[in-house]
Amino acid sequence: MAATSPSLASGDRKHWWLTNKKMVERYVREAQMLIATQDESEVAAALGLLEAALALAPRMEVALELKARCLLYLRRFKEVADMLQDYIPSVKMVVSDDTSSSGSSDNSSTHLSRERATLLSTSGGSVGVNEPAFKCFSVSDLKKKVMAGLFKNVEKEGQWRYSVLGQACCHLGLMEDAMVLLQTGKRLATAAFRRESISLSDDIFSFNKFPLSGENFTNRPETPPKTESDSITNLLCHIKLLMRRKAAAIAALDAGLYSEAIRHFSKILDGRRGAPQGFLSECYVHRASAYRSAGRIAEAIADCNRALALDTSCIEALAIRATLFETIRCLPDSLHDLEHLKLLYNSILRDRKLPGPVWKRQNVQYREIPGKLCSLASKIQQLKQRVAAGETGNVDYYALIGLRRGCSRSELERAHLLLTLKHKPDKSSCFIEKCEFADEKDVDSVRDRAKMSALLLYRLIQKGYTSVLTTILDEEAAEKQRRKATAALQAAVQSQQAQEQKSVDRIESAPVAVSEDVNGSNKAENKSSTVSTPPTSGFQGVFCRDLAVVGNLLSQAGFNRSIPVKYEALSC
């Protein structure tokens, strides 16, 4: 009895292994049938079956592929990236450069690092293909098959990882990784198809692929259904377009051509076809830098708000917005952003990893955090001292609106109208329509954050408009008072000059009476002659007793021109 028990135990183990294998195969078959329906609920049920199959056989390649494709169909891209994170090129580079930045992910990536060796595995059977109708033996065909058999299925089992993970990375905003993965998968698929076509003989005919002469060709569909290769090709074209525009925008930003950089980034952000959430967040941060360099503070703050609405842990967006608020001397808001940034740095040091998953791209490295935290603490202390000194009310609203000091009221109205139409809170969530979210559950939270930040910016713009308008009105009132005082002074001077001129004219235009006594009697003949006002060059100091005698003498001499004479009354 003791001799037979080991044999029974080994038979039980063999039976248990065969039972599990049959169950796994049944789960996979049922999952394949459910996936073929292309229904979301059926695909979710298939995902449950595949997880049960992988619990029994964690290394089964077919189950892994079907699970990844189910997650991709259900738009659960983060789970696909977590499942295949060791195959993302940027994650490999980060791990090789700085192992400390991903120290917390050792437990999660241990299993996947072992699985990396099976990316191009050669074990397992080949995928079933349509058998030809009939074959003819030939030596050349045998030679081709022998040569192709050396490389048969070398890369066919692992190429699905590149295509599935490439699509997931594209939807997560990892454009460079997506482009590398999709191009690699496409190249491997082309090479596999070439090897498969070489292994086939030249005289193979299939009645399934080539209809007979009596069949009607019109019954066939004119446009074949879109294959996975076509969708990957279109996705690659879109990724390359976005990458070219981003490269041109960053080059213009580095060269100091800020308007050109803004134009290229606006093509990405306002394009007809949407872009992934993470990629849009990066573009908003870069465009905010271009706006800040161009002196457009309100637009830069708005782009930082959108970037933080899409990604709440965006360190670069928080730093840029804090700098912008400090530029316009809005110290409480700048202090709030710096405190938020300090909390992020402290959480990174506490958790010993950067925020977000391992595959998420970060603009800061873990070893830089302690130095940044020290400089940030000193900056916060300086801002607190400035706030305590009473610098909170001295906000530079001219820089916020984008106006020069001493601007006119029409310039203010125009700038305020443009900013109001562009940053209206009702339009704050319009950019969400251009965004492809990795998880649809994030849409409502992103919309709420965008509305809140846009409302705060709108109120700041309105407050700035009121302040600048009050300043302009005060300047206009002071200018009006100065003009009134100047006009009154000029009127007083003119009236005084007019009075003086009037008195002079009255003296100069007074008639001179000349008495002429001809017979020595009481009759006196008064002759008054009124002479027009002489110019300043008149003869002065001339005393004439009898003007008639002088006039007769001048007429006799033939002198007919008028002589300017100034008359003065004299008493004899």
Protein backbone atom coordinates (compact mmCIF):
# COMPACT_ATOMS: atom_id res chain seq x y z
CA MET A 1 0.00 0.00 0.00
CA ALA A 2 2.89 2.22 0.78
CA ALA A 3 4.48 1.32 -2.53
CA THR A 4 1.41 2.27 -4.59
CA SER A 5 0.67 5.64 -2.96
CA PRO A 6 3.39 7.58 -4.83
CA SER A 7 2.09 6.31 -8.14
CA LEU A 8 -1.43 7.38 -7.23
CA ALA A 9 -0.23 10.76 -6.10
CA SER A 10 1.62 11.33 -9.35
CA GLY A 11 -1.47 10.24 -11.30
CA ASP A 12 -3.60 12.70 -9.34
CA ARG A 13 -1.16 15.51 -10.11
CA LYS A 14 -1.19 14.59 -13.80
CA HIS A 15 -4.97 14.49 -13.84
CA TRP A 16 -5.13 17.86 -12.07
CA TRP A 17 -2.77 19.41 -14.63
CA LEU A 18 -4.77 18.02 -17.54
CA THR A 19 -7.99 19.31 -15.97
CA ASN A 20 -6.57 22.81 -15.59
CA LYS A 21 -5.29 22.78 -19.16
CA LYS A 22 -8.74 21.83 -20.45
CA MET A 23 -10.36 24.53 -18.35
CA VAL A 24 -7.90 27.15 -19.64
CA GLU A 25 -8.52 26.10 -23.23
CA ARG A 26 -12.27 26.27 -22.67
CA TYR A 27 -11.99 29.74 -21.14
CA VAL A 28 -9.93 30.93 -24.08
CA ARG A 29 -12.38 29.50 -26.63
CA GLU A 30 -15.34 31.10 -24.92
CA ALA A 31 -13.47 34.41 -24.65
CA GLN A 32 -12.66 34.32 -28.36
CA MET A 33 -16.33 33.79 -29.20
CA LEU A 34 -17.36 36.66 -26.94
CA ILE A 35 -14.71 38.98 -28.41
CA ALA A 36 -15.91 38.20 -31.93
CA THR A 37 -19.29 39.79 -31.12
CA GLN A 38 -17.61 43.25 -30.72
CA ASP A 39 -20.06 44.12 -27.95
CA GLU A 40 -18.73 46.01 -24.96
CA SER A 41 -20.53 43.91 -22.36
CA GLU A 42 -19.48 40.68 -24.08
CA VAL A 43 -15.88 41.85 -24.25
CA ALA A 44 -16.00 42.66 -20.52
CA ALA A 45 -17.27 39.13 -19.85
CA ALA A 46 -14.49 37.74 -22.03
CA LEU A 47 -11.98 39.70 -19.96
CA GLY A 48 -13.25 37.97 -16.83
CA LEU A 49 -12.81 34.56 -18.46
CA LEU A 50 -9.30 35.44 -19.55
CA GLU A 51 -8.35 36.56 -16.06
CA ALA A 52 -9.61 33.22 -14.75
CA ALA A 53 -7.54 31.43 -17.40
CA LEU A 54 -4.43 33.44 -16.52
CA ALA A 55 -4.93 32.63 -12.85
CA LEU A 56 -4.47 28.97 -13.81
CA ALA A 57 -1.83 29.52 -16.52
CA PRO A 58 -0.09 32.91 -16.01
CA ARG A 59 2.33 32.36 -18.89
CA MET A 60 -0.16 31.45 -21.59
CA GLU A 61 0.65 33.65 -24.59
CA VAL A 62 -2.77 33.47 -26.26
CA ALA A 63 -4.55 34.46 -23.06
CA LEU A 64 -2.15 37.37 -22.51
CA GLU A 65 -2.74 38.65 -26.03
CA LEU A 66 -6.52 38.38 -25.78
CA LYS A 67 -6.52 40.11 -22.39
CA ALA A 68 -4.44 43.01 -23.75
CA ARG A 69 -6.75 43.37 -26.76
CA CYS A 70 -9.83 43.31 -24.52
CA LEU A 71 -8.38 46.06 -22.34
CA LEU A 72 -7.54 48.06 -25.46
CA TYR A 73 -11.08 47.64 -26.81
CA LEU A 74 -12.56 48.73 -23.47
CA ARG A 75 -10.27 51.82 -23.54
CA ARG A 76 -8.52 50.81 -20.34
CA PHE A 77 -5.19 52.01 -21.64
CA LYS A 78 -3.56 52.46 -18.24
CA GLU A 79 -4.03 48.79 -17.45
CA VAL A 80 -2.46 47.84 -20.79
CA ALA A 81 0.54 50.06 -20.00
CA ASP A 82 0.82 48.58 -16.51
CA MET A 83 0.63 45.09 -17.95
CA LEU A 84 3.35 45.65 -20.56
CA GLN A 85 5.32 48.52 -18.99
CA ASP A 86 8.69 46.77 -19.36
CA TYR A 87 8.38 47.03 -23.14
CA ILE A 88 7.96 50.82 -23.18
CA PRO A 89 11.22 52.33 -24.53
CA SER A 90 11.23 55.40 -22.27
CA VAL A 91 10.74 53.24 -19.16
CA LYS A 92 13.75 51.14 -20.15
CA MET A 93 15.84 54.27 -20.59
CA VAL A 94 14.79 55.71 -17.23
CA VAL A 95 15.48 52.45 -15.42
CA SER A 96 18.90 52.14 -17.00
CA ASP A 97 19.81 55.78 -16.23
CA ASP A 98 18.45 56.13 -12.71
CA THR A 99 17.27 53.04 -10.87
CA SER A 100 16.41 55.01 -7.75
CA SER A 101 13.57 56.87 -9.48
CA SER A 102 11.69 53.60 -9.98
CA GLY A 103 12.70 51.81 -6.81
CA SER A 104 9.13 51.42 -5.63
CA SER A 105 8.13 49.58 -8.79
CA ASP A 106 10.52 46.65 -8.24
CA ASN A 107 7.82 44.35 -6.95
CA SER A 108 5.41 45.17 -9.77
CA SER A 109 7.98 44.81 -12.53
CA THR A 110 9.67 41.60 -11.34
CA HIS A 111 7.23 39.36 -13.13
CA LEU A 112 7.20 41.50 -16.26
CA SER A 113 10.99 41.59 -16.45
CA ARG A 114 10.98 37.81 -16.61
CA GLU A 115 8.31 37.94 -19.27
CA ARG A 116 10.45 40.23 -21.42
CA ALA A 117 12.42 37.22 -22.64
CA THR A 118 9.29 35.77 -24.26
CA LEU A 119 8.71 38.84 -26.45
CA LEU A 120 10.11 37.01 -29.48
CA SER A 121 9.52 33.48 -28.29
CA THR A 122 9.80 30.58 -30.75
CA SER A 123 7.76 28.04 -28.78
CA GLY A 124 4.18 27.14 -29.53
CA GLY A 125 2.27 26.21 -32.61
CA SER A 126 1.74 28.38 -35.64
CA VAL A 127 -1.42 30.28 -36.30
CA GLY A 128 -3.79 28.44 -38.49
CA VAL A 129 -4.04 29.57 -42.11
CA ASN A 130 -6.41 28.70 -44.90
CA GLU A 131 -5.36 25.45 -46.54
CA PRO A 132 -4.98 25.62 -50.31
CA ALA A 133 -7.27 23.65 -52.57
CA PHE A 134 -4.52 21.48 -54.02
CA LYS A 135 -0.73 21.49 -54.28
CA CYS A 136 1.83 20.36 -56.81
CA PHE A 137 5.18 19.08 -55.58
CA SER A 138 8.32 20.90 -56.74
CA VAL A 139 11.93 20.91 -55.60
CA SER A 140 12.11 24.71 -55.56
CA ASP A 141 9.05 24.84 -53.31
CA LEU A 142 10.64 22.36 -50.93
CA LYS A 143 13.84 24.44 -50.84
CA LYS A 144 11.90 27.61 -50.02
CA LYS A 145 10.02 25.87 -47.24
CA VAL A 146 13.20 24.50 -45.71
CA MET A 147 14.87 27.94 -45.78
CA ALA A 148 11.79 29.71 -44.40
CA GLY A 149 11.30 27.07 -41.73
CA LEU A 150 14.51 28.16 -40.09
CA PHE A 151 12.91 31.50 -39.26
CA LYS A 152 9.30 30.38 -38.92
CA ASN A 153 7.38 32.13 -36.16
CA VAL A 154 10.52 33.72 -34.73
CA GLU A 155 8.77 37.05 -34.12
CA LYS A 156 5.14 36.31 -34.83
CA GLU A 157 4.07 35.55 -31.27
CA GLY A 158 5.65 38.68 -29.78
CA GLN A 159 4.65 41.24 -32.37
CA TRP A 160 1.20 41.75 -30.85
CA ARG A 161 2.85 43.41 -27.86
CA TYR A 162 4.25 46.17 -30.06
CA SER A 163 0.95 46.95 -31.81
CA VAL A 164 -1.28 46.76 -28.72
CA LEU A 165 1.11 48.62 -26.44
CA GLY A 166 1.81 51.21 -29.16
CA GLN A 167 -1.89 52.05 -29.46
CA ALA A 168 -2.23 52.25 -25.68
CA CYS A 169 0.80 54.56 -25.41
CA CYS A 170 -0.65 56.81 -28.10
CA HIS A 171 -3.89 57.23 -26.15
CA LEU A 172 -1.90 57.88 -22.97
CA GLY A 173 0.06 60.70 -24.61
CA LEU A 174 3.41 58.88 -24.92
CA MET A 175 3.80 59.81 -28.56
CA GLU A 176 7.50 59.00 -28.98
CA ASP A 177 7.07 55.56 -27.43
CA ALA A 178 3.93 54.91 -29.46
CA MET A 179 5.69 55.80 -32.70
CA VAL A 180 8.64 53.49 -31.94
CA LEU A 181 6.40 50.60 -30.88
CA LEU A 182 4.00 50.87 -33.81
CA GLN A 183 6.81 51.14 -36.34
CA THR A 184 8.52 48.11 -34.81
CA GLY A 185 5.29 46.12 -34.82
CA LYS A 186 4.56 47.08 -38.40
CA ARG A 187 8.07 46.09 -39.48
CA LEU A 188 7.80 42.73 -37.71
CA ALA A 189 4.39 42.07 -39.27
CA THR A 190 5.75 42.87 -42.72
CA ALA A 191 8.74 40.59 -42.19
CA ALA A 192 6.50 37.76 -40.97
CA PHE A 193 4.21 38.14 -43.96
CA ARG A 194 7.21 38.11 -46.29
CA ARG A 195 8.53 34.90 -44.76
CA GLU A 196 5.09 33.33 -44.96
CA SER A 197 4.73 34.28 -48.61
CA ILE A 198 8.18 32.88 -49.40
CA SER A 199 7.29 29.55 -47.82
CA LEU A 200 4.33 29.17 -50.19
CA SER A 201 4.84 27.63 -53.61
CA ASP A 202 4.13 29.46 -56.84
CA ASP A 203 1.55 26.93 -58.08
CA ILE A 204 -0.89 27.01 -55.20
CA PHE A 205 -4.50 27.76 -56.04
CA SER A 206 -7.33 28.39 -53.63
CA PHE A 207 -10.96 28.46 -54.68
CA ASN A 208 -11.74 30.47 -51.57
CA LYS A 209 -9.50 33.36 -52.57
CA PHE A 210 -9.99 33.22 -56.35
CA PRO A 211 -13.57 32.74 -57.62
CA LEU A 212 -14.40 30.67 -60.62
CA SER A 213 -15.25 32.21 -63.96
CA GLY A 214 -18.98 31.57 -63.52
CA GLU A 215 -19.25 33.41 -60.23
CA ASN A 216 -20.65 36.91 -60.05
CA PHE A 217 -18.13 39.51 -58.85
CA THR A 218 -20.85 42.04 -58.03
CA ASN A 219 -21.91 40.05 -54.98
CA ARG A 220 -18.61 40.84 -53.29
CA PRO A 221 -18.35 44.02 -51.24
CA GLU A 222 -16.61 46.85 -53.05
CA THR A 223 -14.81 48.21 -50.00
CA PRO A 224 -13.21 45.60 -47.73
CA PRO A 225 -13.46 46.13 -43.97
CA LYS A 226 -10.76 48.16 -42.31
CA THR A 227 -8.03 45.93 -40.94
CA GLU A 228 -5.79 46.48 -37.93
CA SER A 229 -2.88 47.28 -40.22
CA ASP A 230 -4.83 50.14 -41.83
CA SER A 231 -5.82 51.60 -38.48
CA ILE A 232 -2.22 51.40 -37.24
CA THR A 233 -1.01 53.12 -40.43
CA ASN A 234 -3.52 55.97 -39.96
CA LEU A 235 -2.58 56.27 -36.30
CA LEU A 236 1.10 56.45 -37.21
CA CYS A 237 0.42 59.25 -39.71
CA HIS A 238 -1.45 61.24 -37.04
CA ILE A 239 1.33 60.70 -34.49
CA LYS A 240 4.01 61.83 -36.96
CA LEU A 241 2.02 64.97 -37.79
CA LEU A 242 1.69 65.90 -34.12
CA MET A 243 5.35 65.20 -33.48
CA ARG A 244 6.46 67.35 -36.41
CA ARG A 245 4.36 70.28 -35.22
CA LYS A 246 5.59 69.91 -31.66
CA ALA A 247 9.22 69.77 -32.81
CA ALA A 248 8.75 72.90 -34.94
CA ALA A 249 7.07 74.74 -32.03
CA ILE A 250 9.82 73.84 -29.54
CA ALA A 251 12.50 74.85 -32.06
CA ALA A 252 10.80 78.24 -32.54
CA LEU A 253 10.52 78.66 -28.76
CA ASP A 254 14.22 77.92 -28.28
CA ALA A 255 15.10 80.37 -31.07
CA GLY A 256 13.10 83.19 -29.46
CA LEU A 257 10.34 83.22 -32.11
CA TYR A 258 7.52 83.25 -29.61
CA SER A 259 4.69 84.14 -31.98
CA GLU A 260 5.76 81.32 -34.29
CA ALA A 261 5.88 78.87 -31.39
CA ILE A 262 2.42 79.96 -30.27
CA ARG A 263 1.12 79.43 -33.80
CA HIS A 264 2.49 75.87 -34.02
CA PHE A 265 1.20 74.90 -30.57
CA SER A 266 -2.22 76.38 -31.41
CA LYS A 267 -2.37 74.14 -34.48
CA ILE A 268 -1.98 71.13 -32.20
CA LEU A 269 -4.36 72.32 -29.48
CA ASP A 270 -7.07 73.70 -31.79
CA GLY A 271 -6.85 71.07 -34.53
CA ARG A 272 -9.82 69.27 -35.99
CA ARG A 273 -8.68 65.88 -34.76
CA GLY A 274 -8.25 65.51 -31.04
CA ALA A 275 -5.09 64.56 -29.19
CA PRO A 276 -4.46 62.51 -26.05
CA GLN A 277 -4.82 64.05 -22.61
CA GLY A 278 -1.17 63.79 -21.57
CA PHE A 279 0.12 65.16 -24.87
CA LEU A 280 -2.24 68.15 -24.71
CA SER A 281 -1.12 68.88 -21.15
CA GLU A 282 2.52 69.08 -22.30
CA CYS A 283 1.58 71.34 -25.22
CA TYR A 284 -0.35 73.68 -22.92
CA VAL A 285 2.67 73.98 -20.64
CA HIS A 286 4.98 74.79 -23.57
CA ARG A 287 2.55 77.35 -24.99
CA ALA A 288 2.27 78.95 -21.56
CA SER A 289 6.06 79.39 -21.62
CA ALA A 290 5.80 81.03 -25.05
CA TYR A 291 3.01 83.34 -23.85
CA ARG A 292 5.05 84.31 -20.79
CA SER A 293 8.08 85.15 -22.91
CA ALA A 294 5.85 87.19 -25.24
CA GLY A 295 4.44 89.20 -22.31
CA ARG A 296 0.87 87.85 -22.56
CA ILE A 297 0.31 87.05 -18.90
CA ALA A 298 -3.43 86.30 -18.97
CA GLU A 299 -3.10 83.76 -21.81
CA ALA A 300 -0.16 82.09 -20.06
CA ILE A 301 -2.15 81.74 -16.82
CA ALA A 302 -5.10 80.30 -18.77
CA ASP A 303 -2.89 77.64 -20.41
CA CYS A 304 -1.42 76.71 -17.02
CA ASN A 305 -4.97 76.34 -15.69
CA ARG A 306 -5.87 73.98 -18.55
CA ALA A 307 -2.71 71.93 -18.05
CA LEU A 308 -3.43 71.58 -14.32
CA ALA A 309 -7.04 70.67 -15.05
CA LEU A 310 -5.81 67.81 -17.25
CA ASP A 311 -3.00 66.81 -14.88
CA THR A 312 -3.21 67.97 -11.27
CA SER A 313 0.36 66.86 -10.50
CA CYS A 314 2.01 68.80 -13.35
CA ILE A 315 5.02 70.29 -11.57
CA GLU A 316 6.11 72.50 -14.46
CA ALA A 317 2.66 74.09 -14.84
CA LEU A 318 2.53 74.92 -11.13
CA ALA A 319 6.00 76.49 -11.23
CA ILE A 320 5.18 78.61 -14.30
CA ARG A 321 1.88 79.85 -12.86
CA ALA A 322 3.53 80.76 -9.55
CA THR A 323 6.14 82.77 -11.46
CA LEU A 324 3.43 84.53 -13.48
CA PHE A 325 1.51 85.54 -10.36
CA GLU A 326 4.71 86.84 -8.81
CA THR A 327 5.42 88.84 -12.00
CA ILE A 328 2.16 90.77 -11.67
CA ARG A 329 2.68 91.01 -7.87
CA CYS A 330 -0.33 88.84 -7.08
CA LEU A 331 1.51 87.37 -4.11
CA PRO A 332 -1.25 85.34 -2.36
CA ASP A 333 -1.97 83.27 -5.48
CA SER A 334 1.74 82.76 -6.11
CA LEU A 335 2.21 81.66 -2.51
CA HIS A 336 -0.70 79.20 -2.88
CA ASP A 337 0.89 77.55 -5.94
CA LEU A 338 4.27 77.33 -4.25
CA GLU A 339 2.71 75.66 -1.22
CA HIS A 340 1.01 73.15 -3.54
CA LEU A 341 4.36 72.50 -5.22
CA LYS A 342 5.97 71.98 -1.84
CA LEU A 343 3.35 69.37 -0.96
CA LEU A 344 4.10 67.52 -4.18
CA TYR A 345 7.83 67.49 -3.45
CA ASN A 346 7.24 66.25 0.09
CA SER A 347 4.97 63.47 -1.18
CA ILE A 348 7.64 62.42 -3.70
CA LEU A 349 10.26 62.22 -0.95
CA ARG A 350 7.86 60.35 1.33
CA ASP A 351 6.80 57.77 -1.28
CA ARG A 352 10.30 57.63 -2.81
CA LYS A 353 8.86 57.86 -6.32
CA LEU A 354 7.56 60.44 -8.76
CA PRO A 355 3.78 61.05 -8.92
CA GLY A 356 1.79 58.81 -11.21
CA PRO A 357 2.61 55.40 -12.65
CA VAL A 358 6.09 54.30 -13.65
CA TRP A 359 5.50 54.81 -17.37
CA LYS A 360 4.31 58.41 -16.95
CA ARG A 361 6.77 60.97 -18.32
CA GLN A 362 8.10 63.49 -15.83
CA ASN A 363 10.10 66.67 -16.39
CA VAL A 364 11.98 66.31 -13.12
CA GLN A 365 14.19 63.56 -11.73
CA TYR A 366 14.04 62.11 -8.28
CA ARG A 367 17.58 63.15 -7.34
CA GLU A 368 16.74 66.80 -8.07
CA ILE A 369 13.87 67.00 -5.58
CA PRO A 370 15.84 67.79 -2.36
CA GLY A 371 17.64 70.76 -3.91
CA LYS A 372 14.42 72.08 -5.44
CA LEU A 373 12.65 71.73 -2.11
CA CYS A 374 15.29 73.82 -0.31
CA SER A 375 15.13 76.64 -2.87
CA LEU A 376 11.34 76.47 -2.78
CA ALA A 377 11.27 76.87 1.01
CA SER A 378 13.43 80.00 0.82
CA LYS A 379 11.21 81.42 -1.91
CA ILE A 380 8.08 80.82 0.16
CA GLN A 381 9.70 82.58 3.12
CA GLN A 382 10.52 85.63 0.99
CA LEU A 383 6.95 85.84 -0.33
CA LYS A 384 5.56 85.59 3.18
CA GLN A 385 7.74 88.49 4.27
CA ARG A 386 6.55 90.58 1.33
CA VAL A 387 2.93 89.77 2.14
CA ALA A 388 3.50 90.75 5.77
CA ALA A 389 5.03 94.03 4.58
CA GLY A 390 1.74 94.91 2.85
CA GLU A 391 2.53 94.32 -0.84
CA THR A 392 -0.68 92.41 -1.50
CA GLY A 393 -2.66 95.33 -2.91
CA ASN A 394 -0.07 96.52 -5.39
CA VAL A 395 -1.05 94.24 -8.28
CA ASP A 396 0.23 95.17 -11.74
CA TYR A 397 -3.02 94.94 -13.67
CA TYR A 398 -1.47 96.62 -16.70
CA ALA A 399 0.84 93.62 -17.18
CA LEU A 400 -2.07 91.23 -16.63
CA ILE A 401 -4.21 92.83 -19.33
CA GLY A 402 -1.24 93.53 -21.57
CA LEU A 403 -1.33 97.32 -21.68
CA ARG A 404 1.23 100.06 -21.23
CA ARG A 405 0.93 102.60 -18.47
CA GLY A 406 -0.82 105.76 -19.61
CA CYS A 407 -2.94 103.92 -22.17
CA SER A 408 -6.17 105.41 -23.43
CA ARG A 409 -9.64 104.32 -22.53
CA SER A 410 -10.29 102.90 -26.01
CA GLU A 411 -7.21 100.67 -25.75
CA LEU A 412 -8.40 99.39 -22.39
CA GLU A 413 -11.89 98.65 -23.72
CA ARG A 414 -10.49 96.75 -26.69
CA ALA A 415 -8.07 94.65 -24.61
CA HIS A 416 -10.74 93.94 -22.00
CA LEU A 417 -13.24 92.84 -24.65
CA LEU A 418 -10.76 90.42 -26.22
CA LEU A 419 -9.80 88.91 -22.86
CA THR A 420 -13.42 88.62 -21.77
CA LEU A 421 -14.46 86.82 -24.94
CA LYS A 422 -11.47 84.48 -24.77
CA HIS A 423 -11.52 83.65 -21.06
CA LYS A 424 -15.23 83.62 -20.39
CA PRO A 425 -16.07 80.94 -17.77
CA ASP A 426 -18.80 79.50 -20.00
CA LYS A 427 -16.18 78.66 -22.62
CA SER A 428 -13.64 77.28 -20.18
CA SER A 429 -14.46 73.63 -20.95
CA CYS A 430 -14.40 73.91 -24.74
CA PHE A 431 -10.90 72.46 -24.89
CA ILE A 432 -12.24 69.20 -23.43
CA GLU A 433 -13.93 68.45 -26.75
CA LYS A 434 -10.49 68.31 -28.41
CA CYS A 435 -9.11 65.96 -25.77
CA GLU A 436 -9.02 62.16 -25.88
CA PHE A 437 -9.21 60.94 -22.29
CA ALA A 438 -7.54 57.76 -21.15
CA ASP A 439 -10.43 57.23 -18.74
CA GLU A 440 -13.86 58.69 -19.42
CA LYS A 441 -14.49 58.98 -15.69
CA ASP A 442 -12.03 61.89 -15.55
CA VAL A 443 -14.11 64.15 -17.82
CA ASP A 444 -16.36 65.57 -15.10
CA SER A 445 -13.52 66.29 -12.69
CA VAL A 446 -11.47 67.95 -15.44
CA ARG A 447 -14.45 70.10 -16.41
CA ASP A 448 -15.02 71.20 -12.81
CA ARG A 449 -11.37 72.13 -12.30
CA ALA A 450 -11.28 74.03 -15.58
CA LYS A 451 -14.41 76.04 -14.69
CA MET A 452 -13.13 76.91 -11.23
CA SER A 453 -9.72 78.13 -12.42
CA ALA A 454 -11.28 80.01 -15.36
CA LEU A 455 -13.70 81.75 -12.98
CA LEU A 456 -10.83 82.91 -10.76
CA LEU A 457 -8.92 84.23 -13.76
CA TYR A 458 -12.04 85.98 -15.08
CA ARG A 459 -12.60 87.70 -11.75
CA LEU A 460 -8.97 88.80 -11.68
CA ILE A 461 -9.32 90.27 -15.18
CA GLN A 462 -12.51 92.11 -14.21
CA LYS A 463 -10.84 93.46 -11.10
CA GLY A 464 -7.91 94.61 -13.18
CA TYR A 465 -10.25 96.26 -15.68
CA THR A 466 -12.01 98.14 -12.89
CA SER A 467 -8.72 99.27 -11.35
CA VAL A 468 -7.21 100.43 -14.64
CA LEU A 469 -10.45 102.12 -15.67
CA THR A 470 -10.57 103.99 -12.35
CA THR A 471 -6.99 105.14 -12.86
CA ILE A 472 -7.77 106.29 -16.40
CA LEU A 473 -10.90 108.14 -15.26
CA ASP A 474 -8.94 109.87 -12.49
CA GLU A 475 -6.28 110.88 -14.98
CA GLU A 476 -8.93 112.16 -17.38
CA ALA A 477 -10.62 114.17 -14.58
CA ALA A 478 -7.28 115.65 -13.52
CA GLU A 479 -6.48 116.48 -17.14
CA LYS A 480 -9.89 118.10 -17.51
CA GLN A 481 -9.29 120.23 -14.42
CA ARG A 482 -5.89 121.25 -15.73
CA ARG A 483 -7.43 122.20 -19.05
CA LYS A 484 -10.14 124.24 -17.30
CA ALA A 485 -7.57 126.07 -15.20
CA THR A 486 -5.44 126.73 -18.25
CA ALA A 487 -8.44 127.97 -20.22
CA ALA A 488 -9.55 130.25 -17.38
CA LEU A 489 -6.05 131.67 -17.06
CA GLN A 490 -5.85 132.30 -20.78
CA ALA A 491 -9.29 133.95 -20.77
CA ALA A 492 -8.26 136.23 -17.91
CA VAL A 493 -5.09 137.21 -19.71
CA GLN A 494 -6.98 137.81 -22.93
CA SER A 495 -9.65 139.89 -21.19
CA GLN A 496 -6.98 141.99 -19.48
CA GLN A 497 -5.21 142.51 -22.77
CA ALA A 498 -8.50 143.40 -24.44
CA GLN A 499 -9.28 145.97 -21.76
CA GLU A 500 -5.86 147.51 -22.13
CA GLN A 501 -6.21 147.56 -25.90
CA LYS A 502 -9.69 149.04 -25.62
CA SER A 503 -8.49 151.85 -23.38
CA VAL A 504 -5.64 152.58 -25.76
CA ASP A 505 -8.00 152.56 -28.73
CA ARG A 506 -10.40 154.86 -26.92
CA ILE A 507 -7.60 157.33 -26.20
CA GLU A 508 -6.26 157.14 -29.75
CA SER A 509 -9.68 157.53 -31.38
CA ALA A 510 -10.69 160.65 -29.30
CA PRO A 511 -11.49 163.73 -31.64
CA VAL A 512 -9.19 166.75 -31.54
CA ALA A 513 -10.97 170.15 -31.59
CA VAL A 514 -9.16 173.01 -33.27
CA SER A 515 -10.51 176.55 -32.87
CA GLU A 516 -9.86 179.08 -35.51
CA ASP A 517 -10.62 182.78 -34.76
CA VAL A 518 -10.88 184.56 -38.13
CA ASN A 519 -12.58 187.91 -37.32
CA GLY A 520 -11.72 188.06 -33.60
CA SER A 521 -15.47 187.91 -32.81
CA ASN A 522 -17.38 185.52 -30.50
CA LYS A 523 -18.13 183.22 -33.44
CA ALA A 524 -15.88 180.28 -33.22
CA GLU A 525 -15.86 177.77 -35.94
CA ASN A 526 -15.03 174.38 -34.61
CA LYS A 527 -13.55 172.03 -37.13
CA SER A 528 -13.00 168.51 -36.03
CA SER A 529 -11.24 166.06 -38.16
CA THR A 530 -11.15 162.43 -37.25
CA VAL A 531 -7.99 160.68 -38.35
CA SER A 532 -7.82 156.94 -38.49
CA THR A 533 -5.74 155.16 -35.91
CA PRO A 534 -2.13 155.71 -36.89
CA PRO A 535 0.37 152.96 -36.78
CA THR A 536 3.17 152.87 -34.30
CA SER A 537 5.46 154.69 -36.71
CA GLY A 538 3.58 158.04 -36.40
CA PHE A 539 5.34 161.35 -35.90
CA GLN A 540 5.27 162.39 -32.28
CA GLY A 541 6.20 165.67 -30.57
CA VAL A 542 4.80 167.91 -33.34
CA PHE A 543 2.79 171.00 -32.26
CA CYS A 544 0.64 172.63 -34.86
CA ARG A 545 -1.38 175.71 -33.97
CA ASP A 546 -3.23 176.05 -37.23
CA LEU A 547 -3.78 172.79 -39.19
CA ALA A 548 -5.54 174.56 -42.03
CA VAL A 549 -2.48 176.65 -42.82
CA VAL A 550 -0.29 173.57 -42.84
CA GLY A 551 -2.72 171.73 -45.10
CA ASN A 552 -2.76 174.58 -47.59
CA LEU A 553 0.99 174.67 -47.73
CA LEU A 554 1.20 170.92 -48.31
CA SER A 555 -1.42 170.98 -51.06
CA GLN A 556 0.41 173.75 -52.82
CA ALA A 557 3.60 171.76 -52.75
CA GLY A 558 1.80 168.84 -54.42
CA PHE A 559 2.05 166.51 -51.42
CA ASN A 560 -1.05 164.27 -51.65
CA ARG A 561 -0.04 161.37 -49.35
CA SER A 562 -1.38 160.94 -45.86
CA ILE A 563 0.91 161.70 -42.96
CA PRO A 564 0.49 159.70 -39.74
CA VAL A 565 0.21 162.16 -36.93
CA LYS A 566 -0.48 161.62 -33.28
CA TYR A 567 -2.59 164.35 -31.73
CA GLU A 568 -2.45 165.40 -28.16
CA ALA A 569 -4.70 167.87 -26.47
CA LEU A 570 -2.89 170.89 -25.17
CA SER A 571 -4.10 173.79 -23.13
CA CYS A 572 -2.89 177.23 -24.02
